[in-house]
N, C-alpha and C. Protein backbone atom coordinates (compact mmCIF):
# COMPACT_ATOMS: atom_id res chain seq x y z
N MET A 1 95.47 100.03 55.28
CA MET A 1 95.87 101.40 55.51
C MET A 1 95.24 102.30 54.47
N MET A 2 93.95 102.30 54.46
CA MET A 2 93.21 103.11 53.52
C MET A 2 93.20 104.57 54.00
N ASP A 3 93.10 105.49 53.12
CA ASP A 3 93.05 106.94 53.34
C ASP A 3 94.16 107.45 54.27
N GLY A 4 95.32 106.79 54.27
CA GLY A 4 96.47 107.25 55.04
C GLY A 4 96.41 106.95 56.52
N ARG A 5 95.35 106.34 56.99
CA ARG A 5 95.23 106.02 58.41
C ARG A 5 95.74 104.61 58.66
N PRO A 6 96.39 104.39 59.80
CA PRO A 6 96.83 103.04 60.12
C PRO A 6 95.63 102.12 60.33
N ASP A 7 95.89 100.82 60.22
CA ASP A 7 94.83 99.84 60.39
C ASP A 7 94.26 99.81 61.80
N ASN A 8 95.04 100.28 62.78
CA ASN A 8 94.57 100.20 64.15
C ASN A 8 93.89 101.50 64.60
N ALA A 9 93.23 102.17 63.67
CA ALA A 9 92.47 103.37 64.00
C ALA A 9 91.20 102.99 64.75
N PRO A 10 90.71 103.88 65.62
CA PRO A 10 89.49 103.55 66.34
C PRO A 10 88.32 103.49 65.37
N SER A 11 87.88 102.33 65.11
CA SER A 11 86.81 102.15 64.14
C SER A 11 85.48 102.48 64.79
N ASP A 12 84.49 102.66 63.94
CA ASP A 12 83.15 102.89 64.46
C ASP A 12 82.69 101.69 65.28
N SER A 13 83.17 100.50 64.92
CA SER A 13 82.77 99.32 65.69
C SER A 13 83.31 99.38 67.12
N ALA A 14 84.50 99.96 67.32
CA ALA A 14 85.03 100.10 68.68
C ALA A 14 84.20 101.12 69.46
N ILE A 15 83.82 102.21 68.81
CA ILE A 15 82.98 103.21 69.46
C ILE A 15 81.60 102.62 69.75
N GLU A 16 81.10 101.80 68.84
CA GLU A 16 79.78 101.20 69.03
C GLU A 16 79.77 100.20 70.18
N ARG A 17 80.92 99.72 70.61
CA ARG A 17 80.98 98.80 71.75
C ARG A 17 80.78 99.54 73.07
N LEU A 18 80.88 100.86 73.05
CA LEU A 18 80.58 101.65 74.24
C LEU A 18 79.07 101.69 74.44
N THR A 19 78.63 102.02 75.65
CA THR A 19 77.20 102.16 75.87
C THR A 19 76.68 103.38 75.12
N LEU A 20 75.37 103.47 74.95
CA LEU A 20 74.80 104.61 74.23
C LEU A 20 75.13 105.93 74.93
N LEU A 21 75.12 105.93 76.26
CA LEU A 21 75.47 107.13 77.00
C LEU A 21 76.92 107.51 76.74
N GLU A 22 77.81 106.52 76.78
CA GLU A 22 79.23 106.80 76.52
C GLU A 22 79.43 107.27 75.08
N GLN A 23 78.71 106.70 74.15
CA GLN A 23 78.82 107.16 72.76
C GLN A 23 78.42 108.62 72.65
N ALA A 24 77.33 108.98 73.32
CA ALA A 24 76.87 110.37 73.26
C ALA A 24 77.86 111.32 73.93
N LEU A 25 78.43 110.90 75.06
CA LEU A 25 79.33 111.77 75.81
C LEU A 25 80.76 111.78 75.29
N TRP A 26 81.28 110.62 74.93
CA TRP A 26 82.73 110.50 74.74
C TRP A 26 83.19 110.17 73.33
N SER A 27 82.31 109.96 72.36
CA SER A 27 82.80 109.55 71.04
C SER A 27 83.65 110.65 70.39
N LYS A 28 83.25 111.89 70.51
CA LYS A 28 84.05 112.97 69.91
C LYS A 28 85.42 113.12 70.57
N PRO A 29 85.49 113.14 71.92
CA PRO A 29 86.83 113.23 72.52
C PRO A 29 87.73 112.03 72.19
N ILE A 30 87.14 110.84 72.09
CA ILE A 30 87.95 109.67 71.74
C ILE A 30 88.45 109.78 70.31
N LYS A 31 87.60 110.25 69.41
CA LYS A 31 88.05 110.44 68.02
C LYS A 31 89.11 111.52 67.92
N ARG A 32 89.02 112.55 68.78
CA ARG A 32 90.07 113.58 68.80
C ARG A 32 91.39 113.00 69.29
N GLN A 33 91.32 112.06 70.25
CA GLN A 33 92.55 111.41 70.71
C GLN A 33 93.23 110.67 69.57
N TYR A 34 92.42 110.08 68.70
CA TYR A 34 92.98 109.36 67.57
C TYR A 34 93.78 110.29 66.66
N GLU A 35 93.31 111.51 66.52
CA GLU A 35 93.97 112.45 65.62
C GLU A 35 95.32 112.91 66.16
N SER A 36 95.52 112.86 67.47
CA SER A 36 96.79 113.26 68.07
C SER A 36 97.66 112.02 68.28
N LYS A 37 98.77 111.96 67.61
CA LYS A 37 99.64 110.78 67.70
C LYS A 37 100.32 110.64 69.05
N ASP A 38 100.28 111.67 69.89
CA ASP A 38 100.88 111.60 71.22
C ASP A 38 99.86 111.28 72.30
N SER A 39 98.65 110.93 71.91
CA SER A 39 97.58 110.72 72.89
C SER A 39 97.71 109.37 73.59
N ARG A 40 96.96 109.25 74.67
CA ARG A 40 96.95 108.01 75.44
C ARG A 40 96.38 106.86 74.60
N TYR A 41 95.47 107.18 73.68
CA TYR A 41 94.92 106.13 72.81
C TYR A 41 96.04 105.39 72.11
N TRP A 42 96.96 106.13 71.50
CA TRP A 42 98.04 105.51 70.74
C TRP A 42 99.04 104.80 71.64
N LYS A 43 99.18 105.27 72.88
CA LYS A 43 100.09 104.60 73.81
C LYS A 43 99.53 103.25 74.24
N ASN A 44 98.20 103.11 74.23
CA ASN A 44 97.56 101.88 74.69
C ASN A 44 97.18 100.91 73.58
N VAL A 45 97.13 101.38 72.33
CA VAL A 45 96.58 100.54 71.26
C VAL A 45 97.44 99.31 70.99
N GLY A 46 98.74 99.40 71.19
CA GLY A 46 99.60 98.25 70.94
C GLY A 46 99.38 97.12 71.94
N LYS A 47 99.00 97.48 73.17
CA LYS A 47 98.80 96.48 74.21
C LYS A 47 97.35 96.00 74.32
N TYR A 48 96.41 96.89 74.04
CA TYR A 48 95.00 96.57 74.26
C TYR A 48 94.17 96.48 72.98
N GLY A 49 94.72 96.86 71.84
CA GLY A 49 93.96 96.85 70.60
C GLY A 49 93.04 98.06 70.52
N ASN A 50 92.29 98.14 69.41
CA ASN A 50 91.38 99.27 69.20
C ASN A 50 90.33 99.38 70.28
N VAL A 51 89.64 98.28 70.53
CA VAL A 51 88.52 98.31 71.46
C VAL A 51 89.01 98.57 72.88
N GLY A 52 90.06 97.88 73.30
CA GLY A 52 90.58 98.08 74.65
C GLY A 52 91.09 99.50 74.86
N SER A 53 91.77 100.05 73.87
CA SER A 53 92.26 101.41 73.98
C SER A 53 91.10 102.41 74.01
N THR A 54 90.06 102.12 73.26
CA THR A 54 88.87 102.97 73.29
C THR A 54 88.22 102.91 74.66
N PHE A 55 88.16 101.72 75.26
CA PHE A 55 87.57 101.56 76.59
C PHE A 55 88.40 102.31 77.64
N ILE A 56 89.72 102.25 77.53
CA ILE A 56 90.57 102.96 78.48
C ILE A 56 90.36 104.47 78.36
N SER A 57 90.24 104.94 77.12
CA SER A 57 89.98 106.36 76.92
C SER A 57 88.65 106.76 77.55
N ALA A 58 87.63 105.92 77.40
CA ALA A 58 86.33 106.21 78.01
C ALA A 58 86.43 106.19 79.53
N ALA A 59 87.20 105.25 80.07
CA ALA A 59 87.36 105.17 81.53
C ALA A 59 88.00 106.44 82.08
N ILE A 60 89.00 106.93 81.40
CA ILE A 60 89.66 108.16 81.83
C ILE A 60 88.70 109.34 81.74
N LEU A 61 87.91 109.37 80.68
CA LEU A 61 86.95 110.46 80.52
C LEU A 61 85.87 110.44 81.60
N TRP A 62 85.52 109.25 82.11
CA TRP A 62 84.54 109.17 83.19
C TRP A 62 85.06 109.81 84.47
N LEU A 63 86.36 109.88 84.64
CA LEU A 63 86.92 110.46 85.86
C LEU A 63 86.90 111.98 85.85
N ILE A 64 86.82 112.59 84.70
CA ILE A 64 86.87 114.05 84.62
C ILE A 64 85.76 114.72 85.44
N PRO A 65 84.50 114.28 85.35
CA PRO A 65 83.48 114.94 86.16
C PRO A 65 83.62 114.68 87.67
N ALA A 66 84.41 113.71 88.06
CA ALA A 66 84.57 113.43 89.49
C ALA A 66 85.38 114.53 90.19
N TYR A 67 86.29 115.18 89.48
CA TYR A 67 87.12 116.21 90.10
C TYR A 67 86.30 117.39 90.61
N PRO A 68 85.38 117.94 89.82
CA PRO A 68 84.56 119.03 90.37
C PRO A 68 83.71 118.57 91.56
N LEU A 69 83.29 117.31 91.56
CA LEU A 69 82.51 116.82 92.69
C LEU A 69 83.34 116.81 93.97
N VAL A 70 84.63 116.52 93.85
CA VAL A 70 85.50 116.56 95.03
C VAL A 70 85.59 118.00 95.55
N LEU A 71 85.64 118.97 94.65
CA LEU A 71 85.65 120.37 95.08
C LEU A 71 84.33 120.75 95.76
N VAL A 72 83.23 120.20 95.26
CA VAL A 72 81.93 120.45 95.88
C VAL A 72 81.90 119.83 97.29
N VAL A 73 82.51 118.67 97.46
CA VAL A 73 82.60 118.05 98.79
C VAL A 73 83.34 118.98 99.73
N ILE A 74 84.46 119.50 99.29
CA ILE A 74 85.25 120.41 100.13
C ILE A 74 84.44 121.67 100.45
N LEU A 75 83.75 122.19 99.46
CA LEU A 75 82.91 123.37 99.68
C LEU A 75 81.78 123.05 100.67
N GLY A 76 81.15 121.89 100.51
CA GLY A 76 80.10 121.49 101.43
C GLY A 76 80.59 121.32 102.85
N LEU A 77 81.81 120.80 103.00
CA LEU A 77 82.39 120.67 104.34
C LEU A 77 82.69 122.03 104.94
N ALA A 78 83.21 122.94 104.10
CA ALA A 78 83.54 124.28 104.59
C ALA A 78 82.29 125.05 104.99
N LEU A 79 81.20 124.86 104.23
CA LEU A 79 79.96 125.58 104.51
C LEU A 79 79.02 124.81 105.44
N ASN A 80 79.47 123.63 105.86
CA ASN A 80 78.69 122.77 106.76
C ASN A 80 77.31 122.45 106.16
N ILE A 81 77.33 121.90 104.94
CA ILE A 81 76.11 121.48 104.26
C ILE A 81 76.23 119.98 104.03
N PRO A 82 75.79 119.17 104.99
CA PRO A 82 75.98 117.71 104.90
C PRO A 82 75.32 117.08 103.68
N PHE A 83 74.15 117.55 103.31
CA PHE A 83 73.45 116.98 102.16
C PHE A 83 74.29 117.12 100.89
N LEU A 84 74.88 118.28 100.72
CA LEU A 84 75.73 118.53 99.54
C LEU A 84 76.94 117.60 99.55
N VAL A 85 77.51 117.38 100.71
CA VAL A 85 78.67 116.50 100.84
C VAL A 85 78.28 115.07 100.48
N VAL A 86 77.18 114.59 101.02
CA VAL A 86 76.75 113.21 100.78
C VAL A 86 76.45 112.97 99.31
N ILE A 87 75.69 113.86 98.69
CA ILE A 87 75.34 113.71 97.28
C ILE A 87 76.60 113.75 96.41
N SER A 88 77.51 114.66 96.70
CA SER A 88 78.73 114.78 95.91
C SER A 88 79.64 113.56 96.07
N VAL A 89 79.73 113.03 97.28
CA VAL A 89 80.55 111.83 97.50
C VAL A 89 79.95 110.65 96.75
N ILE A 90 78.63 110.50 96.82
CA ILE A 90 77.98 109.40 96.10
C ILE A 90 78.22 109.53 94.60
N GLY A 91 78.09 110.73 94.07
CA GLY A 91 78.33 110.95 92.64
C GLY A 91 79.76 110.64 92.24
N ALA A 92 80.72 111.10 93.03
CA ALA A 92 82.12 110.85 92.72
C ALA A 92 82.44 109.36 92.79
N VAL A 93 81.89 108.68 93.78
CA VAL A 93 82.13 107.23 93.92
C VAL A 93 81.52 106.48 92.74
N LEU A 94 80.33 106.85 92.33
CA LEU A 94 79.70 106.21 91.17
C LEU A 94 80.52 106.41 89.90
N LEU A 95 81.01 107.62 89.69
CA LEU A 95 81.85 107.87 88.51
C LEU A 95 83.13 107.03 88.56
N CYS A 96 83.73 106.90 89.73
CA CYS A 96 84.93 106.07 89.86
C CYS A 96 84.62 104.60 89.61
N LEU A 97 83.46 104.14 90.07
CA LEU A 97 83.07 102.75 89.82
C LEU A 97 82.83 102.50 88.33
N ILE A 98 82.18 103.43 87.67
CA ILE A 98 81.97 103.29 86.22
C ILE A 98 83.31 103.22 85.51
N SER A 99 84.23 104.08 85.90
CA SER A 99 85.56 104.08 85.30
C SER A 99 86.28 102.76 85.54
N THR A 100 86.16 102.24 86.75
CA THR A 100 86.80 100.97 87.08
C THR A 100 86.23 99.83 86.24
N LEU A 101 84.92 99.80 86.10
CA LEU A 101 84.29 98.76 85.28
C LEU A 101 84.72 98.86 83.83
N ARG A 102 84.84 100.08 83.33
CA ARG A 102 85.27 100.26 81.94
C ARG A 102 86.72 99.81 81.79
N ASN A 103 87.56 100.07 82.80
CA ASN A 103 88.95 99.60 82.75
C ASN A 103 89.03 98.08 82.77
N LEU A 104 88.18 97.45 83.57
CA LEU A 104 88.16 95.98 83.59
C LEU A 104 87.77 95.43 82.22
N SER A 105 86.83 96.09 81.57
CA SER A 105 86.46 95.69 80.21
C SER A 105 87.64 95.86 79.26
N ALA A 106 88.39 96.93 79.45
CA ALA A 106 89.56 97.17 78.60
C ALA A 106 90.61 96.09 78.80
N PHE A 107 90.83 95.70 80.05
CA PHE A 107 91.81 94.65 80.33
C PHE A 107 91.39 93.33 79.68
N ARG A 108 90.10 93.02 79.74
CA ARG A 108 89.59 91.81 79.10
C ARG A 108 89.79 91.87 77.59
N GLU A 109 89.48 93.02 76.99
CA GLU A 109 89.68 93.19 75.55
C GLU A 109 91.16 93.10 75.18
N GLY A 110 92.01 93.66 76.04
CA GLY A 110 93.44 93.58 75.79
C GLY A 110 93.95 92.15 75.82
N LYS A 111 93.43 91.37 76.75
CA LYS A 111 93.82 89.96 76.83
C LYS A 111 93.40 89.22 75.57
N LEU A 112 92.16 89.47 75.12
CA LEU A 112 91.69 88.84 73.87
C LEU A 112 92.52 89.29 72.68
N PHE A 113 92.89 90.57 72.67
CA PHE A 113 93.71 91.12 71.58
C PHE A 113 95.08 90.44 71.54
N ARG A 114 95.72 90.31 72.70
CA ARG A 114 97.04 89.69 72.75
C ARG A 114 96.98 88.20 72.41
N GLU A 115 95.91 87.53 72.84
CA GLU A 115 95.75 86.12 72.46
C GLU A 115 95.58 85.97 70.95
N GLY A 116 94.86 86.91 70.35
CA GLY A 116 94.69 86.89 68.90
C GLY A 116 96.00 87.12 68.18
N LEU A 117 96.82 88.01 68.73
CA LEU A 117 98.16 88.25 68.13
C LEU A 117 99.03 87.00 68.25
N ALA A 118 98.94 86.33 69.41
CA ALA A 118 99.76 85.13 69.64
C ALA A 118 99.36 84.02 68.67
N LYS A 119 98.08 83.91 68.39
CA LYS A 119 97.61 82.88 67.46
C LYS A 119 98.06 83.17 66.03
N LYS A 120 98.10 84.47 65.67
CA LYS A 120 98.53 84.84 64.32
C LYS A 120 100.02 84.65 64.15
N GLY A 121 100.77 84.92 65.23
CA GLY A 121 102.23 84.88 65.14
C GLY A 121 102.78 83.56 65.37
């Protein structure tokens, strides 16, 4: 518990486990979640550990750009622009798939974290 921070703070090693694109996009928002004790990061860290909680935070952040794409789909349908609808649906589905894969990684990390706790205890 150096510098007043708990030992389960999101370390640079947890951030480094993200892809380079995720590090560029999401490292600052994830670090901001750490600063807020009411954030989802802190709600998940006990079950998934640092890395798993960081992965869950990244998964949630991947969903944020999908919402505007859904609005673009609705706009494309209203304006009868099929190309816009198809591109937006593909983009939204890809973002959801990325989020799902990141969540699966978080679940795997959480399992390893809990197994490590069981071995220590």
